[in-house]
Amino acid sequence: MSTRLLRCARNDEPFLVKAVLIYRGIEPAKSHDIDALVSRLPPADPIRPVLAPLGRFTPYAVAFRYPGEDLDPSPPERNEITGWITEIDTAIGAAAAETASS
């Protein structure tokens, strides 16, 4: 997978969390820090445990926006990318299912 494609793919997670926050009526912060965004959800929110693991993708979401900072993540292995895609797809599915049932 090219670095450019990885950069594009890694930028979606903050927007997924922001979409959930907006749906919940919570003002999202101007941030790409996924952990900080997820922490805005109430601890008992059922979608929080699904979104929380996405926090480890923050370096990929911000490294290319803020060059020069010490956020340069190492390139992942191909098998890691496949797992990440599955995990992100699961989070998107959970968020979609929750919003559809509300």
PDB file of N, CA and C in Angstrom:
ATOM      1  N   MET A   1       0.860  -1.174   0.000  1.00  0.00           N
ATOM      2  CA  MET A   1       0.000   0.000   0.000  1.00  0.00           C
ATOM      3  C   MET A   1       0.899   1.227   0.000  1.00  0.00           C
ATOM      4  N   SER A   2       0.586   2.191  -0.813  1.00  0.00           N
ATOM      5  CA  SER A   2       1.422   3.383  -0.896  1.00  0.00           C
ATOM      6  C   SER A   2       1.262   4.236   0.357  1.00  0.00           C
ATOM      7  N   THR A   3       2.298   5.024   0.638  1.00  0.00           N
ATOM      8  CA  THR A   3       2.244   5.930   1.775  1.00  0.00           C
ATOM      9  C   THR A   3       1.108   6.926   1.615  1.00  0.00           C
ATOM     10  N   ARG A   4       0.890   7.392   0.395  1.00  0.00           N
ATOM     11  CA  ARG A   4      -0.189   8.358   0.144  1.00  0.00           C
ATOM     12  C   ARG A   4      -1.548   7.756   0.493  1.00  0.00           C
ATOM     13  N   LEU A   5      -1.789   6.509   0.092  1.00  0.00           N
ATOM     14  CA  LEU A   5      -3.053   5.859   0.405  1.00  0.00           C
ATOM     15  C   LEU A   5      -3.206   5.681   1.912  1.00  0.00           C
ATOM     16  N   LEU A   6      -2.119   5.303   2.573  1.00  0.00           N
ATOM     17  CA  LEU A   6      -2.167   5.148   4.026  1.00  0.00           C
ATOM     18  C   LEU A   6      -2.490   6.474   4.688  1.00  0.00           C
ATOM     19  N   ARG A   7      -1.901   7.562   4.197  1.00  0.00           N
ATOM     20  CA  ARG A   7      -2.187   8.886   4.760  1.00  0.00           C
ATOM     21  C   ARG A   7      -3.662   9.221   4.638  1.00  0.00           C
ATOM     22  N   CYS A   8      -4.247   8.934   3.498  1.00  0.00           N
ATOM     23  CA  CYS A   8      -5.678   9.207   3.299  1.00  0.00           C
ATOM     24  C   CYS A   8      -6.532   8.343   4.218  1.00  0.00           C
ATOM     25  N   ALA A   9      -6.205   7.072   4.287  1.00  0.00           N
ATOM     26  CA  ALA A   9      -7.007   6.149   5.089  1.00  0.00           C
ATOM     27  C   ALA A   9      -6.941   6.507   6.563  1.00  0.00           C
ATOM     28  N   ARG A  10      -5.795   6.942   7.054  1.00  0.00           N
ATOM     29  CA  ARG A  10      -5.616   7.205   8.470  1.00  0.00           C
ATOM     30  C   ARG A  10      -6.252   8.507   8.922  1.00  0.00           C
ATOM     31  N   ASN A  11      -6.765   9.294   8.034  1.00  0.00           N
ATOM     32  CA  ASN A  11      -7.358  10.561   8.423  1.00  0.00           C
ATOM     33  C   ASN A  11      -8.847  10.467   8.720  1.00  0.00           C
ATOM     34  N   ASP A  12      -9.469   9.329   8.531  1.00  0.00           N
ATOM     35  CA  ASP A  12     -10.914   9.203   8.713  1.00  0.00           C
ATOM     36  C   ASP A  12     -11.354   9.002  10.156  1.00  0.00           C
ATOM     37  N   GLU A  13     -10.517   8.432  11.002  1.00  0.00           N
ATOM     38  CA  GLU A  13     -10.944   8.096  12.350  1.00  0.00           C
ATOM     39  C   GLU A  13     -11.395   9.307  13.165  1.00  0.00           C
ATOM     40  N   PRO A  14     -10.644  10.440  13.140  1.00  0.00           N
ATOM     41  CA  PRO A  14     -11.141  11.587  13.916  1.00  0.00           C
ATOM     42  C   PRO A  14     -12.520  12.042  13.443  1.00  0.00           C
ATOM     43  N   PHE A  15     -12.780  11.957  12.160  1.00  0.00           N
ATOM     44  CA  PHE A  15     -14.074  12.397  11.639  1.00  0.00           C
ATOM     45  C   PHE A  15     -15.196  11.457  12.040  1.00  0.00           C
ATOM     46  N   LEU A  16     -14.906  10.168  12.155  1.00  0.00           N
ATOM     47  CA  LEU A  16     -15.895   9.217  12.648  1.00  0.00           C
ATOM     48  C   LEU A  16     -16.279   9.568  14.083  1.00  0.00           C
ATOM     49  N   VAL A  17     -15.286   9.812  14.920  1.00  0.00           N
ATOM     50  CA  VAL A  17     -15.555  10.159  16.315  1.00  0.00           C
ATOM     51  C   VAL A  17     -16.305  11.490  16.382  1.00  0.00           C
ATOM     52  N   LYS A  18     -15.896  12.467  15.576  1.00  0.00           N
ATOM     53  CA  LYS A  18     -16.587  13.752  15.570  1.00  0.00           C
ATOM     54  C   LYS A  18     -18.041  13.598  15.130  1.00  0.00           C
ATOM     55  N   ALA A  19     -18.300  12.736  14.167  1.00  0.00           N
ATOM     56  CA  ALA A  19     -19.676  12.500  13.726  1.00  0.00           C
ATOM     57  C   ALA A  19     -20.521  11.938  14.860  1.00  0.00           C
ATOM     58  N   VAL A  20     -19.956  11.006  15.616  1.00  0.00           N
ATOM     59  CA  VAL A  20     -20.688  10.441  16.763  1.00  0.00           C
ATOM     60  C   VAL A  20     -20.936  11.524  17.804  1.00  0.00           C
ATOM     61  N   LEU A  21     -19.934  12.345  18.077  1.00  0.00           N
ATOM     62  CA  LEU A  21     -20.120  13.432  19.048  1.00  0.00           C
ATOM     63  C   LEU A  21     -21.250  14.360  18.617  1.00  0.00           C
ATOM     64  N   ILE A  22     -21.238  14.756  17.375  1.00  0.00           N
ATOM     65  CA  ILE A  22     -22.286  15.647  16.866  1.00  0.00           C
ATOM     66  C   ILE A  22     -23.645  14.973  16.976  1.00  0.00           C
ATOM     67  N   TYR A  23     -23.711  13.695  16.612  1.00  0.00           N
ATOM     68  CA  TYR A  23     -24.970  12.958  16.719  1.00  0.00           C
ATOM     69  C   TYR A  23     -25.470  12.935  18.165  1.00  0.00           C
ATOM     70  N   ARG A  24     -24.530  12.868  19.110  1.00  0.00           N
ATOM     71  CA  ARG A  24     -24.883  12.850  20.537  1.00  0.00           C
ATOM     72  C   ARG A  24     -25.189  14.250  21.078  1.00  0.00           C
ATOM     73  N   GLY A  25     -25.019  15.270  20.239  1.00  0.00           N
ATOM     74  CA  GLY A  25     -25.265  16.634  20.693  1.00  0.00           C
ATOM     75  C   GLY A  25     -24.102  17.213  21.481  1.00  0.00           C
ATOM     76  N   ILE A  26     -22.911  16.648  21.290  1.00  0.00           N
ATOM     77  CA  ILE A  26     -21.710  17.097  21.991  1.00  0.00           C
ATOM     78  C   ILE A  26     -20.833  17.845  20.990  1.00  0.00           C
ATOM     79  N   GLU A  27     -20.421  19.029  21.370  1.00  0.00           N
ATOM     80  CA  GLU A  27     -19.558  19.832  20.495  1.00  0.00           C
ATOM     81  C   GLU A  27     -18.187  19.159  20.390  1.00  0.00           C
ATOM     82  N   PRO A  28     -17.785  18.799  19.168  1.00  0.00           N
ATOM     83  CA  PRO A  28     -16.452  18.210  19.027  1.00  0.00           C
ATOM     84  C   PRO A  28     -15.382  19.294  19.092  1.00  0.00           C
ATOM     85  N   ALA A  29     -14.274  18.946  19.690  1.00  0.00           N
ATOM     86  CA  ALA A  29     -13.158  19.887  19.758  1.00  0.00           C
ATOM     87  C   ALA A  29     -12.489  19.987  18.394  1.00  0.00           C
ATOM     88  N   LYS A  30     -11.795  21.072  18.159  1.00  0.00           N
ATOM     89  CA  LYS A  30     -10.996  21.199  16.943  1.00  0.00           C
ATOM     90  C   LYS A  30      -9.701  20.447  17.199  1.00  0.00           C
ATOM     91  N   SER A  31      -9.753  19.161  16.958  1.00  0.00           N
ATOM     92  CA  SER A  31      -8.625  18.295  17.277  1.00  0.00           C
ATOM     93  C   SER A  31      -8.654  17.071  16.382  1.00  0.00           C
ATOM     94  N   HIS A  32      -7.483  16.515  16.158  1.00  0.00           N
ATOM     95  CA  HIS A  32      -7.373  15.235  15.469  1.00  0.00           C
ATOM     96  C   HIS A  32      -6.926  14.159  16.449  1.00  0.00           C
ATOM     97  N   ASP A  33      -6.834  14.520  17.733  1.00  0.00           N
ATOM     98  CA  ASP A  33      -6.435  13.579  18.776  1.00  0.00           C
ATOM     99  C   ASP A  33      -7.648  12.709  19.109  1.00  0.00           C
ATOM    100  N   ILE A  34      -7.615  11.493  18.636  1.00  0.00           N
ATOM    101  CA  ILE A  34      -8.769  10.599  18.761  1.00  0.00           C
ATOM    102  C   ILE A  34      -9.082  10.306  20.221  1.00  0.00           C
ATOM    103  N   ASP A  35      -8.057  10.102  21.053  1.00  0.00           N
ATOM    104  CA  ASP A  35      -8.305   9.854  22.480  1.00  0.00           C
ATOM    105  C   ASP A  35      -9.028  11.035  23.122  1.00  0.00           C
ATOM    106  N   ALA A  36      -8.595  12.249  22.799  1.00  0.00           N
ATOM    107  CA  ALA A  36      -9.233  13.435  23.366  1.00  0.00           C
ATOM    108  C   ALA A  36     -10.681  13.555  22.903  1.00  0.00           C
ATOM    109  N   LEU A  37     -10.922  13.221  21.647  1.00  0.00           N
ATOM    110  CA  LEU A  37     -12.290  13.282  21.125  1.00  0.00           C
ATOM    111  C   LEU A  37     -13.175  12.223  21.783  1.00  0.00           C
ATOM    112  N   VAL A  38     -12.680  11.002  21.891  1.00  0.00           N
ATOM    113  CA  VAL A  38     -13.467   9.929  22.518  1.00  0.00           C
ATOM    114  C   VAL A  38     -13.752  10.265  23.977  1.00  0.00           C
ATOM    115  N   SER A  39     -12.808  10.927  24.639  1.00  0.00           N
ATOM    116  CA  SER A  39     -13.002  11.256  26.057  1.00  0.00           C
ATOM    117  C   SER A  39     -14.140  12.249  26.273  1.00  0.00           C
ATOM    118  N   ARG A  40     -14.597  12.913  25.227  1.00  0.00           N
ATOM    119  CA  ARG A  40     -15.732  13.830  25.341  1.00  0.00           C
ATOM    120  C   ARG A  40     -17.065  13.077  25.473  1.00  0.00           C
ATOM    121  N   LEU A  41     -17.060  11.799  25.099  1.00  0.00           N
ATOM    122  CA  LEU A  41     -18.268  10.981  25.266  1.00  0.00           C
ATOM    123  C   LEU A  41     -18.421  10.595  26.733  1.00  0.00           C
ATOM    124  N   PRO A  42     -19.645  10.493  27.232  1.00  0.00           N
ATOM    125  CA  PRO A  42     -19.834  10.035  28.604  1.00  0.00           C
ATOM    126  C   PRO A  42     -19.253   8.621  28.777  1.00  0.00           C
ATOM    127  N   PRO A  43     -18.679   8.330  29.943  1.00  0.00           N
ATOM    128  CA  PRO A  43     -18.086   7.004  30.168  1.00  0.00           C
ATOM    129  C   PRO A  43     -19.048   5.844  29.914  1.00  0.00           C
ATOM    130  N   ALA A  44     -20.327   6.037  30.148  1.00  0.00           N
ATOM    131  CA  ALA A  44     -21.290   4.950  29.969  1.00  0.00           C
ATOM    132  C   ALA A  44     -21.829   4.852  28.551  1.00  0.00           C
ATOM    133  N   ASP A  45     -21.395   5.724  27.649  1.00  0.00           N
ATOM    134  CA  ASP A  45     -21.889   5.681  26.274  1.00  0.00           C
ATOM    135  C   ASP A  45     -21.512   4.348  25.640  1.00  0.00           C
ATOM    136  N   PRO A  46     -22.474   3.613  25.086  1.00  0.00           N
ATOM    137  CA  PRO A  46     -22.189   2.275  24.555  1.00  0.00           C
ATOM    138  C   PRO A  46     -21.250   2.255  23.349  1.00  0.00           C
ATOM    139  N   ILE A  47     -21.106   3.357  22.649  1.00  0.00           N
ATOM    140  CA  ILE A  47     -20.215   3.375  21.481  1.00  0.00           C
ATOM    141  C   ILE A  47     -18.768   3.683  21.885  1.00  0.00           C
ATOM    142  N   ARG A  48     -18.582   4.208  23.082  1.00  0.00           N
ATOM    143  CA  ARG A  48     -17.235   4.592  23.530  1.00  0.00           C
ATOM    144  C   ARG A  48     -16.234   3.435  23.477  1.00  0.00           C
ATOM    145  N   PRO A  49     -16.566   2.244  23.969  1.00  0.00           N
ATOM    146  CA  PRO A  49     -15.585   1.146  23.909  1.00  0.00           C
ATOM    147  C   PRO A  49     -15.228   0.727  22.479  1.00  0.00           C
ATOM    148  N   VAL A  50     -16.108   0.996  21.539  1.00  0.00           N
ATOM    149  CA  VAL A  50     -15.820   0.663  20.140  1.00  0.00           C
ATOM    150  C   VAL A  50     -14.861   1.688  19.541  1.00  0.00           C
ATOM    151  N   LEU A  51     -15.029   2.951  19.913  1.00  0.00           N
ATOM    152  CA  LEU A  51     -14.213   4.014  19.351  1.00  0.00           C
ATOM    153  C   LEU A  51     -12.873   4.180  20.060  1.00  0.00           C
ATOM    154  N   ALA A  52     -12.820   3.855  21.354  1.00  0.00           N
ATOM    155  CA  ALA A  52     -11.604   4.085  22.142  1.00  0.00           C
ATOM    156  C   ALA A  52     -10.342   3.451  21.547  1.00  0.00           C
ATOM    157  N   PRO A  53     -10.377   2.224  21.045  1.00  0.00           N
ATOM    158  CA  PRO A  53      -9.152   1.643  20.484  1.00  0.00           C
ATOM    159  C   PRO A  53      -8.611   2.384  19.268  1.00  0.00           C
ATOM    160  N   LEU A  54      -9.446   3.182  18.619  1.00  0.00           N
ATOM    161  CA  LEU A  54      -8.981   3.928  17.453  1.00  0.00           C
ATOM    162  C   LEU A  54      -7.982   5.007  17.829  1.00  0.00           C
ATOM    163  N   GLY A  55      -7.861   5.308  19.115  1.00  0.00           N
ATOM    164  CA  GLY A  55      -6.916   6.319  19.571  1.00  0.00           C
ATOM    165  C   GLY A  55      -5.485   6.033  19.163  1.00  0.00           C
ATOM    166  N   ARG A  56      -5.158   4.782  18.995  1.00  0.00           N
ATOM    167  CA  ARG A  56      -3.780   4.464  18.613  1.00  0.00           C
ATOM    168  C   ARG A  56      -3.453   4.914  17.187  1.00  0.00           C
ATOM    169  N   PHE A  57      -4.471   5.317  16.437  1.00  0.00           N
ATOM    170  CA  PHE A  57      -4.238   5.809  15.086  1.00  0.00           C
ATOM    171  C   PHE A  57      -3.962   7.321  15.040  1.00  0.00           C
ATOM    172  N   THR A  58      -4.027   7.998  16.169  1.00  0.00           N
ATOM    173  CA  THR A  58      -3.801   9.442  16.193  1.00  0.00           C
ATOM    174  C   THR A  58      -2.495   9.842  15.502  1.00  0.00           C
ATOM    175  N   PRO A  59      -1.382   9.171  15.758  1.00  0.00           N
ATOM    176  CA  PRO A  59      -0.155   9.599  15.062  1.00  0.00           C
ATOM    177  C   PRO A  59      -0.298   9.582  13.542  1.00  0.00           C
ATOM    178  N   TYR A  60      -1.062   8.643  13.015  1.00  0.00           N
ATOM    179  CA  TYR A  60      -1.256   8.584  11.563  1.00  0.00           C
ATOM    180  C   TYR A  60      -2.200   9.681  11.082  1.00  0.00           C
ATOM    181  N   ALA A  61      -3.079  10.130  11.956  1.00  0.00           N
ATOM    182  CA  ALA A  61      -4.031  11.175  11.587  1.00  0.00           C
ATOM    183  C   ALA A  61      -3.402  12.563  11.631  1.00  0.00           C
ATOM    184  N   VAL A  62      -2.353  12.720  12.441  1.00  0.00           N
ATOM    185  CA  VAL A  62      -1.784  14.061  12.613  1.00  0.00           C
ATOM    186  C   VAL A  62      -0.384  14.236  12.046  1.00  0.00           C
ATOM    187  N   ALA A  63       0.377  13.186  11.889  1.00  0.00           N
ATOM    188  CA  ALA A  63       1.784  13.307  11.492  1.00  0.00           C
ATOM    189  C   ALA A  63       1.964  14.068  10.186  1.00  0.00           C
ATOM    190  N   PHE A  64       1.068  13.874   9.249  1.00  0.00           N
ATOM    191  CA  PHE A  64       1.234  14.499   7.948  1.00  0.00           C
ATOM    192  C   PHE A  64       0.606  15.884   7.894  1.00  0.00           C
ATOM    193  N   ARG A  65      -0.165  16.236   8.910  1.00  0.00           N
ATOM    194  CA  ARG A  65      -0.725  17.593   9.008  1.00  0.00           C
ATOM    195  C   ARG A  65       0.264  18.538   9.671  1.00  0.00           C
ATOM    196  N   TYR A  66       1.088  18.003  10.571  1.00  0.00           N
ATOM    197  CA  TYR A  66       2.008  18.813  11.358  1.00  0.00           C
ATOM    198  C   TYR A  66       3.433  18.314  11.176  1.00  0.00           C
ATOM    199  N   PRO A  67       3.995  18.495   9.982  1.00  0.00           N
ATOM    200  CA  PRO A  67       5.348  18.002   9.733  1.00  0.00           C
ATOM    201  C   PRO A  67       6.357  18.680  10.663  1.00  0.00           C
ATOM    202  N   GLY A  68       7.368  17.931  11.039  1.00  0.00           N
ATOM    203  CA  GLY A  68       8.402  18.467  11.900  1.00  0.00           C
ATOM    204  C   GLY A  68       8.204  18.139  13.360  1.00  0.00           C
ATOM    205  N   GLU A  69       6.972  17.824  13.758  1.00  0.00           N
ATOM    206  CA  GLU A  69       6.741  17.415  15.136  1.00  0.00           C
ATOM    207  C   GLU A  69       7.130  15.957  15.278  1.00  0.00           C
ATOM    208  N   ASP A  70       7.357  15.530  16.483  1.00  0.00           N
ATOM    209  CA  ASP A  70       7.806  14.158  16.735  1.00  0.00           C
ATOM    210  C   ASP A  70       6.621  13.198  16.742  1.00  0.00           C
ATOM    211  N   LEU A  71       5.936  13.119  15.620  1.00  0.00           N
ATOM    212  CA  LEU A  71       4.750  12.276  15.509  1.00  0.00           C
ATOM    213  C   LEU A  71       4.870  11.290  14.360  1.00  0.00           C
ATOM    214  N   ASP A  72       6.060  11.136  13.820  1.00  0.00           N
ATOM    215  CA  ASP A  72       6.235  10.319  12.627  1.00  0.00           C
ATOM    216  C   ASP A  72       6.088   8.842  12.962  1.00  0.00           C
ATOM    217  N   PRO A  73       4.946   8.251  12.633  1.00  0.00           N
ATOM    218  CA  PRO A  73       4.755   6.828  12.923  1.00  0.00           C
ATOM    219  C   PRO A  73       5.543   5.960  11.951  1.00  0.00           C
ATOM    220  N   SER A  74       5.936   4.808  12.420  1.00  0.00           N
ATOM    221  CA  SER A  74       6.635   3.885  11.520  1.00  0.00           C
ATOM    222  C   SER A  74       5.617   3.270  10.561  1.00  0.00           C
ATOM    223  N   PRO A  75       6.054   2.983   9.345  1.00  0.00           N
ATOM    224  CA  PRO A  75       5.126   2.364   8.386  1.00  0.00           C
ATOM    225  C   PRO A  75       4.665   0.997   8.884  1.00  0.00           C
ATOM    226  N   PRO A  76       3.398   0.714   8.776  1.00  0.00           N
ATOM    227  CA  PRO A  76       2.886  -0.578   9.240  1.00  0.00           C
ATOM    228  C   PRO A  76       3.192  -1.697   8.243  1.00  0.00           C
ATOM    229  N   GLU A  77       3.135  -2.898   8.750  1.00  0.00           N
ATOM    230  CA  GLU A  77       3.256  -4.082   7.893  1.00  0.00           C
ATOM    231  C   GLU A  77       1.916  -4.319   7.205  1.00  0.00           C
ATOM    232  N   ARG A  78       1.953  -5.029   6.092  1.00  0.00           N
ATOM    233  CA  ARG A  78       0.738  -5.304   5.317  1.00  0.00           C
ATOM    234  C   ARG A  78      -0.338  -5.994   6.167  1.00  0.00           C
ATOM    235  N   ASN A  79       0.045  -6.970   6.990  1.00  0.00           N
ATOM    236  CA  ASN A  79      -0.949  -7.675   7.804  1.00  0.00           C
ATOM    237  C   ASN A  79      -1.565  -6.756   8.864  1.00  0.00           C
ATOM    238  N   GLU A  80      -0.803  -5.762   9.334  1.00  0.00           N
ATOM    239  CA  GLU A  80      -1.362  -4.795  10.278  1.00  0.00           C
ATOM    240  C   GLU A  80      -2.449  -3.958   9.602  1.00  0.00           C
ATOM    241  N   ILE A  81      -2.182  -3.550   8.384  1.00  0.00           N
ATOM    242  CA  ILE A  81      -3.135  -2.717   7.658  1.00  0.00           C
ATOM    243  C   ILE A  81      -4.458  -3.456   7.475  1.00  0.00           C
ATOM    244  N   THR A  82      -4.391  -4.732   7.134  1.00  0.00           N
ATOM    245  CA  THR A  82      -5.609  -5.529   6.961  1.00  0.00           C
ATOM    246  C   THR A  82      -6.408  -5.558   8.267  1.00  0.00           C
ATOM    247  N   GLY A  83      -5.729  -5.763   9.382  1.00  0.00           N
ATOM    248  CA  GLY A  83      -6.405  -5.757  10.680  1.00  0.00           C
ATOM    249  C   GLY A  83      -6.997  -4.408  11.012  1.00  0.00           C
ATOM    250  N   TRP A  84      -6.257  -3.345  10.693  1.00  0.00           N
ATOM    251  CA  TRP A  84      -6.754  -1.996  10.955  1.00  0.00           C
ATOM    252  C   TRP A  84      -8.009  -1.703  10.152  1.00  0.00           C
ATOM    253  N   ILE A  85      -7.997  -2.100   8.903  1.00  0.00           N
ATOM    254  CA  ILE A  85      -9.167  -1.861   8.052  1.00  0.00           C
ATOM    255  C   ILE A  85     -10.382  -2.568   8.630  1.00  0.00           C
ATOM    256  N   THR A  86     -10.198  -3.790   9.082  1.00  0.00           N
ATOM    257  CA  THR A  86     -11.293  -4.541   9.698  1.00  0.00           C
ATOM    258  C   THR A  86     -11.780  -3.844  10.960  1.00  0.00           C
ATOM    259  N   GLU A  87     -10.856  -3.386  11.784  1.00  0.00           N
ATOM    260  CA  GLU A  87     -11.228  -2.708  13.027  1.00  0.00           C
ATOM    261  C   GLU A  87     -11.976  -1.400  12.761  1.00  0.00           C
ATOM    262  N   ILE A  88     -11.494  -0.628  11.808  1.00  0.00           N
ATOM    263  CA  ILE A  88     -12.147   0.632  11.473  1.00  0.00           C
ATOM    264  C   ILE A  88     -13.521   0.367  10.870  1.00  0.00           C
ATOM    265  N   ASP A  89     -13.617  -0.637  10.026  1.00  0.00           N
ATOM    266  CA  ASP A  89     -14.902  -1.006   9.431  1.00  0.00           C
ATOM    267  C   ASP A  89     -15.896  -1.412  10.514  1.00  0.00           C
ATOM    268  N   THR A  90     -15.426  -2.143  11.509  1.00  0.00           N
ATOM    269  CA  THR A  90     -16.287  -2.549  12.630  1.00  0.00           C
ATOM    270  C   THR A  90     -16.783  -1.318  13.398  1.00  0.00           C
ATOM    271  N   ALA A  91     -15.895  -0.361  13.642  1.00  0.00           N
ATOM    272  CA  ALA A  91     -16.294   0.859  14.355  1.00  0.00           C
ATOM    273  C   ALA A  91     -17.317   1.650  13.545  1.00  0.00           C
ATOM    274  N   ILE A  92     -17.091   1.745  12.245  1.00  0.00           N
ATOM    275  CA  ILE A  92     -18.046   2.466  11.393  1.00  0.00           C
ATOM    276  C   ILE A  92     -19.398   1.743  11.408  1.00  0.00           C
ATOM    277  N   GLY A  93     -19.378   0.421  11.313  1.00  0.00           N
ATOM    278  CA  GLY A  93     -20.616  -0.351  11.351  1.00  0.00           C
ATOM    279  C   GLY A  93     -21.365  -0.178  12.655  1.00  0.00           C
ATOM    280  N   ALA A  94     -20.627  -0.176  13.766  1.00  0.00           N
ATOM    281  CA  ALA A  94     -21.262   0.000  15.078  1.00  0.00           C
ATOM    282  C   ALA A  94     -21.882   1.385  15.196  1.00  0.00           C
ATOM    283  N   ALA A  95     -21.168   2.408  14.729  1.00  0.00           N
ATOM    284  CA  ALA A  95     -21.705   3.765  14.781  1.00  0.00           C
ATOM    285  C   ALA A  95     -22.942   3.884  13.884  1.00  0.00           C
ATOM    286  N   ALA A  96     -22.891   3.293  12.713  1.00  0.00           N
ATOM    287  CA  ALA A  96     -24.037   3.347  11.796  1.00  0.00           C
ATOM    288  C   ALA A  96     -25.240   2.614  12.382  1.00  0.00           C
ATOM    289  N   ALA A  97     -25.002   1.448  12.978  1.00  0.00           N
ATOM    290  CA  ALA A  97     -26.104   0.678  13.563  1.00  0.00           C
ATOM    291  C   ALA A  97     -26.739   1.424  14.718  1.00  0.00           C
ATOM    292  N   GLU A  98     -25.913   2.057  15.518  1.00  0.00           N
ATOM    293  CA  GLU A  98     -26.450   2.790  16.668  1.00  0.00           C
ATOM    294  C   GLU A  98     -27.283   3.986  16.220  1.00  0.00           C
ATOM    295  N   THR A  99     -26.823   4.707  15.235  1.00  0.00           N
ATOM    296  CA  THR A  99     -27.564   5.876  14.786  1.00  0.00           C
ATOM    297  C   THR A  99     -28.831   5.467  14.069  1.00  0.00           C
ATOM    298  N   ALA A 100     -28.812   4.324  13.403  1.00  0.00           N
ATOM    299  CA  ALA A 100     -30.006   3.848  12.703  1.00  0.00           C
ATOM    300  C   ALA A 100     -31.090   3.400  13.678  1.00  0.00           C
ATOM    301  N   SER A 101     -30.675   2.911  14.860  1.00  0.00           N
ATOM    302  CA  SER A 101     -31.646   2.397  15.816  1.00  0.00           C
ATOM    303  C   SER A 101     -32.197   3.486  16.726  1.00  0.00           C
ATOM    304  N   SER A 102     -31.609   4.677  16.669  1.00  0.00           N
ATOM    305  CA  SER A 102     -32.062   5.761  17.548  1.00  0.00           C
ATOM    306  C   SER A 102     -33.189   6.557  16.936  1.00  0.00           C
TER     307      SER A 102
END
